[in-house]
Each structure stands twice: as structure tokens, then as C-alpha cells.
Amino acid sequence: MRKLVAGKLHGIHVTEANLNYHGSITLDPDHCEEAGILPMEFVEIWNKNSGARISTYVILGERGSRCCILNGAAARTCQPGDQIIICNSVYLDESRLVSLKPKILTFDEDNHIRDRLTYSVGVDASGKYTFDILDETETALSIPLMVSGG
């Protein structure tokens, strides 16, 4: 079993940092549902501004609010306005890798969804993995990988 990306909110902006709250990250349910992130699911958070990396769990905020609120100890790692990446993961047997299609959302400065992307791994004729980033219209940006397929 390998730990693989299952979904990602890429470049979402922190709207609040609330130190005096039980630890977690509060997110808009619309964003979570679209990226496949569940309430109470553990996620990794990477701060693009500071480089800080943390792990916490998701709680749902107000639907349609576009919120991204770091709570408790996590509030010390991010400030309002910081751009962060939130990633959930799944453990999967390598034989199922090509069936995994993580949803990636990118955001503008007001946390409106800018892009809806899908990561796609395939295997080429020589048995090597390929990696594509597909947008909503199924346009692919191919990135060959130097890993043997299995």
C-alpha cells in the first residue's frame, strides 16, 4: 500500500486564524465536497508563504462562505491572507494507481474556484508511468515519469 494524493485545495487563502478554538481547519463544505475531502478527515497543510507544514483535521464551516480558518495550535502556522495547500490522501495498492483520479481545485484571492483539475496516471507502451493534469475540458498537460509501471 502506498500513500497517494486523493484531493487538493491548492492556493486557497486563509481567511482567519483563531487561536482560542479547538484545533482543526474550518473549510467551506462546497470546496470539500468538490475535492473529495470529508469532515473529520486528517489533511496535510503546506503554507506557501512561510513554508510551514502541519497536519490537522477538517471541520465544516458555513456553506458558500469560502472560509479557510486555522484553529487552535494550527492558527500559529498561518496568518489571514496566506496562501496554503490542503491535501488529503488515501492508501492504495499500486495496482490501482491508474484508477485514482484526484480532484484539484485552485483559487483566486477571494477563494473562488479558479480551476478544476484532475491528476491522472497512466502506463505507456513501454510500461512506464505517465502523469497528466486534466482540466474540466479534458485537456491534458503530459508529464512523463521515469518509474516502471506495474
C-alpha atoms as a PDB file:
ATOM      1  CA  MET A   1       0.000   0.000   0.000  1.00  0.00           C
ATOM      2  CA  ARG A   2       1.182   3.485  -0.877  1.00  0.00           C
ATOM      3  CA  LYS A   3       0.038   6.837   0.475  1.00  0.00           C
ATOM      4  CA  LEU A   4      -1.239   8.849  -2.509  1.00  0.00           C
ATOM      5  CA  VAL A   5      -2.873  12.226  -3.120  1.00  0.00           C
ATOM      6  CA  ALA A   6      -6.668  11.915  -3.044  1.00  0.00           C
ATOM      7  CA  GLY A   7      -7.657  15.583  -3.405  1.00  0.00           C
ATOM      8  CA  LYS A   8      -6.204  19.041  -3.022  1.00  0.00           C
ATOM      9  CA  LEU A   9      -7.203  22.645  -2.405  1.00  0.00           C
ATOM     10  CA  HIS A  10      -4.251  24.430  -3.999  1.00  0.00           C
ATOM     11  CA  GLY A  11      -3.582  28.088  -3.244  1.00  0.00           C
ATOM     12  CA  ILE A  12      -6.632  28.704  -1.063  1.00  0.00           C
ATOM     13  CA  HIS A  13      -6.226  31.802   1.113  1.00  0.00           C
ATOM     14  CA  VAL A  14      -6.504  31.754   4.905  1.00  0.00           C
ATOM     15  CA  THR A  15      -9.491  33.871   5.960  1.00  0.00           C
ATOM     16  CA  GLU A  16      -8.946  33.655   9.753  1.00  0.00           C
ATOM     17  CA  ALA A  17      -6.570  32.280  12.358  1.00  0.00           C
ATOM     18  CA  ASN A  18      -8.421  31.535  15.595  1.00  0.00           C
ATOM     19  CA  LEU A  19      -6.034  30.526  18.384  1.00  0.00           C
ATOM     20  CA  ASN A  20      -8.761  30.173  21.038  1.00  0.00           C
ATOM     21  CA  TYR A  21     -10.631  27.295  19.437  1.00  0.00           C
ATOM     22  CA  HIS A  22     -10.359  23.522  19.438  1.00  0.00           C
ATOM     23  CA  GLY A  23      -7.698  22.519  16.914  1.00  0.00           C
ATOM     24  CA  SER A  24      -8.633  21.952  13.286  1.00  0.00           C
ATOM     25  CA  ILE A  25      -9.179  23.716   9.997  1.00  0.00           C
ATOM     26  CA  THR A  26     -12.635  25.028   9.099  1.00  0.00           C
ATOM     27  CA  LEU A  27     -13.465  24.847   5.393  1.00  0.00           C
ATOM     28  CA  ASP A  28     -16.414  25.631   3.123  1.00  0.00           C
ATOM     29  CA  PRO A  29     -18.340  22.353   2.569  1.00  0.00           C
ATOM     30  CA  ASP A  30     -18.686  23.208  -1.142  1.00  0.00           C
ATOM     31  CA  HIS A  31     -14.894  23.199  -1.558  1.00  0.00           C
ATOM     32  CA  CYS A  32     -14.513  19.993   0.465  1.00  0.00           C
ATOM     33  CA  GLU A  33     -17.195  18.093  -1.438  1.00  0.00           C
ATOM     34  CA  GLU A  34     -15.772  19.057  -4.802  1.00  0.00           C
ATOM     35  CA  ALA A  35     -12.240  17.962  -3.841  1.00  0.00           C
ATOM     36  CA  GLY A  36     -13.409  14.820  -2.014  1.00  0.00           C
ATOM     37  CA  ILE A  37     -12.362  15.962   1.463  1.00  0.00           C
ATOM     38  CA  LEU A  38     -14.506  14.612   4.312  1.00  0.00           C
ATOM     39  CA  PRO A  39     -15.430  16.200   7.653  1.00  0.00           C
ATOM     40  CA  MET A  40     -13.067  14.958  10.407  1.00  0.00           C
ATOM     41  CA  GLU A  41     -10.588  13.732   7.780  1.00  0.00           C
ATOM     42  CA  PHE A  42      -6.935  14.394   8.522  1.00  0.00           C
ATOM     43  CA  VAL A  43      -5.257  16.649   5.958  1.00  0.00           C
ATOM     44  CA  GLU A  44      -1.787  17.997   5.426  1.00  0.00           C
ATOM     45  CA  ILE A  45      -1.413  21.769   5.107  1.00  0.00           C
ATOM     46  CA  TRP A  46       1.509  23.489   3.436  1.00  0.00           C
ATOM     47  CA  ASN A  47       1.858  27.263   3.801  1.00  0.00           C
ATOM     48  CA  LYS A  48       3.158  28.760   0.549  1.00  0.00           C
ATOM     49  CA  ASN A  49       4.105  31.996   2.331  1.00  0.00           C
ATOM     50  CA  SER A  50       6.122  30.616   5.260  1.00  0.00           C
ATOM     51  CA  GLY A  51       6.872  27.028   4.276  1.00  0.00           C
ATOM     52  CA  ALA A  52       5.200  25.729   7.465  1.00  0.00           C
ATOM     53  CA  ARG A  53       3.769  22.202   7.217  1.00  0.00           C
ATOM     54  CA  ILE A  54       1.165  20.831   9.597  1.00  0.00           C
ATOM     55  CA  SER A  55      -1.404  18.086   9.895  1.00  0.00           C
ATOM     56  CA  THR A  56      -4.896  18.564  11.333  1.00  0.00           C
ATOM     57  CA  TYR A  57      -8.478  17.509  10.739  1.00  0.00           C
ATOM     58  CA  VAL A  58     -11.287  19.195   8.823  1.00  0.00           C
ATOM     59  CA  ILE A  59     -14.458  20.671  10.259  1.00  0.00           C
ATOM     60  CA  LEU A  60     -17.109  22.178   8.047  1.00  0.00           C
ATOM     61  CA  GLY A  61     -17.923  25.864   8.126  1.00  0.00           C
ATOM     62  CA  GLU A  62     -20.781  27.754   6.540  1.00  0.00           C
ATOM     63  CA  ARG A  63     -21.688  26.559   3.059  1.00  0.00           C
ATOM     64  CA  GLY A  64     -20.811  29.153   0.420  1.00  0.00           C
ATOM     65  CA  SER A  65     -18.629  31.184   2.804  1.00  0.00           C
ATOM     66  CA  ARG A  66     -15.340  30.310   1.027  1.00  0.00           C
ATOM     67  CA  CYS A  67     -13.798  30.171   4.526  1.00  0.00           C
ATOM     68  CA  CYS A  68     -10.420  28.720   5.369  1.00  0.00           C
ATOM     69  CA  ILE A  69      -9.892  29.131   9.108  1.00  0.00           C
ATOM     70  CA  LEU A  70      -6.940  27.710  11.043  1.00  0.00           C
ATOM     71  CA  ASN A  71      -7.955  26.905  14.618  1.00  0.00           C
ATOM     72  CA  GLY A  72      -6.090  26.200  17.836  1.00  0.00           C
ATOM     73  CA  ALA A  73      -2.381  25.412  17.518  1.00  0.00           C
ATOM     74  CA  ALA A  74      -2.695  25.438  13.714  1.00  0.00           C
ATOM     75  CA  ALA A  75      -3.508  29.177  13.937  1.00  0.00           C
ATOM     76  CA  ARG A  76       0.131  29.797  14.877  1.00  0.00           C
ATOM     77  CA  THR A  77       1.313  28.493  11.482  1.00  0.00           C
ATOM     78  CA  CYS A  78      -0.784  30.646   9.137  1.00  0.00           C
ATOM     79  CA  GLN A  79      -1.968  34.231   9.001  1.00  0.00           C
ATOM     80  CA  PRO A  80      -5.046  35.632   7.226  1.00  0.00           C
ATOM     81  CA  GLY A  81      -4.129  36.167   3.588  1.00  0.00           C
ATOM     82  CA  ASP A  82      -1.528  33.368   3.468  1.00  0.00           C
ATOM     83  CA  GLN A  83      -1.856  31.010   0.519  1.00  0.00           C
ATOM     84  CA  ILE A  84      -1.926  27.378   1.568  1.00  0.00           C
ATOM     85  CA  ILE A  85      -2.244  23.939   0.012  1.00  0.00           C
ATOM     86  CA  ILE A  86      -4.557  21.435   1.721  1.00  0.00           C
ATOM     87  CA  CYS A  87      -4.144  17.803   0.689  1.00  0.00           C
ATOM     88  CA  ASN A  88      -5.921  14.639   1.733  1.00  0.00           C
ATOM     89  CA  SER A  89      -4.585  11.204   0.951  1.00  0.00           C
ATOM     90  CA  VAL A  90      -5.555   7.576   0.545  1.00  0.00           C
ATOM     91  CA  TYR A  91      -3.685   4.318   0.987  1.00  0.00           C
ATOM     92  CA  LEU A  92      -3.925   2.319  -2.205  1.00  0.00           C
ATOM     93  CA  ASP A  93      -2.287  -0.715  -3.735  1.00  0.00           C
ATOM     94  CA  GLU A  94      -0.023   0.301  -6.633  1.00  0.00           C
ATOM     95  CA  SER A  95      -2.034  -1.927  -8.978  1.00  0.00           C
ATOM     96  CA  ARG A  96      -4.956   0.521  -8.562  1.00  0.00           C
ATOM     97  CA  LEU A  97      -2.894   3.663  -9.219  1.00  0.00           C
ATOM     98  CA  VAL A  98      -4.273   4.274 -12.725  1.00  0.00           C
ATOM     99  CA  SER A  99      -7.852   4.218 -11.385  1.00  0.00           C
ATOM    100  CA  LEU A 100      -7.145   7.023  -8.880  1.00  0.00           C
ATOM    101  CA  LYS A 101      -8.271  10.441 -10.201  1.00  0.00           C
ATOM    102  CA  PRO A 102      -7.632  13.085  -7.503  1.00  0.00           C
ATOM    103  CA  LYS A 103      -9.580  16.341  -7.832  1.00  0.00           C
ATOM    104  CA  ILE A 104      -7.502  19.508  -7.517  1.00  0.00           C
ATOM    105  CA  LEU A 105      -9.079  22.937  -7.066  1.00  0.00           C
ATOM    106  CA  THR A 106      -7.118  26.184  -7.485  1.00  0.00           C
ATOM    107  CA  PHE A 107      -8.318  29.513  -6.113  1.00  0.00           C
ATOM    108  CA  ASP A 108      -8.262  33.252  -6.708  1.00  0.00           C
ATOM    109  CA  GLU A 109      -7.552  35.762  -3.925  1.00  0.00           C
ATOM    110  CA  ASP A 110     -11.215  35.662  -2.754  1.00  0.00           C
ATOM    111  CA  ASN A 111     -11.283  31.841  -2.589  1.00  0.00           C
ATOM    112  CA  HIS A 112     -13.451  31.488  -5.652  1.00  0.00           C
ATOM    113  CA  ILE A 113     -12.538  28.340  -7.549  1.00  0.00           C
ATOM    114  CA  ARG A 114     -10.320  29.243 -10.495  1.00  0.00           C
ATOM    115  CA  ASP A 115      -9.504  25.806 -11.941  1.00  0.00           C
ATOM    116  CA  ARG A 116     -10.901  22.311 -11.555  1.00  0.00           C
ATOM    117  CA  LEU A 117      -8.185  19.799 -12.356  1.00  0.00           C
ATOM    118  CA  THR A 118      -7.737  16.044 -12.173  1.00  0.00           C
ATOM    119  CA  TYR A 119      -4.474  14.163 -11.785  1.00  0.00           C
ATOM    120  CA  SER A 120      -4.290  11.088 -13.987  1.00  0.00           C
ATOM    121  CA  VAL A 121      -1.624   8.378 -14.030  1.00  0.00           C
ATOM    122  CA  GLY A 122      -1.406   6.016 -16.993  1.00  0.00           C
ATOM    123  CA  VAL A 123       1.032   3.491 -18.379  1.00  0.00           C
ATOM    124  CA  ASP A 124       2.648   3.980 -21.803  1.00  0.00           C
ATOM    125  CA  ALA A 125       3.525   1.293 -24.384  1.00  0.00           C
ATOM    126  CA  SER A 126       6.922   0.706 -22.760  1.00  0.00           C
ATOM    127  CA  GLY A 127       5.378   0.104 -19.311  1.00  0.00           C
ATOM    128  CA  LYS A 128       6.443   3.466 -17.833  1.00  0.00           C
ATOM    129  CA  TYR A 129       4.078   5.604 -15.823  1.00  0.00           C
ATOM    130  CA  THR A 130       2.723   8.797 -17.368  1.00  0.00           C
ATOM    131  CA  PHE A 131       1.229  11.717 -15.455  1.00  0.00           C
ATOM    132  CA  ASP A 132      -1.375  14.089 -16.853  1.00  0.00           C
ATOM    133  CA  ILE A 133      -3.103  17.101 -15.368  1.00  0.00           C
ATOM    134  CA  LEU A 134      -6.571  17.326 -16.893  1.00  0.00           C
ATOM    135  CA  ASP A 135      -8.781  20.404 -16.715  1.00  0.00           C
ATOM    136  CA  GLU A 136     -12.600  20.349 -16.916  1.00  0.00           C
ATOM    137  CA  THR A 137     -12.468  20.151 -20.694  1.00  0.00           C
ATOM    138  CA  GLU A 138     -10.155  17.110 -20.539  1.00  0.00           C
ATOM    139  CA  THR A 139      -7.136  18.992 -21.929  1.00  0.00           C
ATOM    140  CA  ALA A 140      -4.015  17.234 -20.730  1.00  0.00           C
ATOM    141  CA  LEU A 141      -0.591  18.532 -19.798  1.00  0.00           C
ATOM    142  CA  SER A 142       1.576  15.407 -20.124  1.00  0.00           C
ATOM    143  CA  ILE A 143       4.477  14.919 -17.763  1.00  0.00           C
ATOM    144  CA  PRO A 144       6.410  11.666 -18.341  1.00  0.00           C
ATOM    145  CA  LEU A 145       7.692   9.862 -15.273  1.00  0.00           C
ATOM    146  CA  MET A 146      10.790   7.696 -15.036  1.00  0.00           C
ATOM    147  CA  VAL A 147       9.149   4.928 -12.992  1.00  0.00           C
ATOM    148  CA  SER A 148       8.429   1.422 -14.197  1.00  0.00           C
ATOM    149  CA  GLY A 149       4.746   0.503 -14.432  1.00  0.00           C
ATOM    150  CA  GLY A 150       3.495  -2.498 -12.578  1.00  0.00           C
END
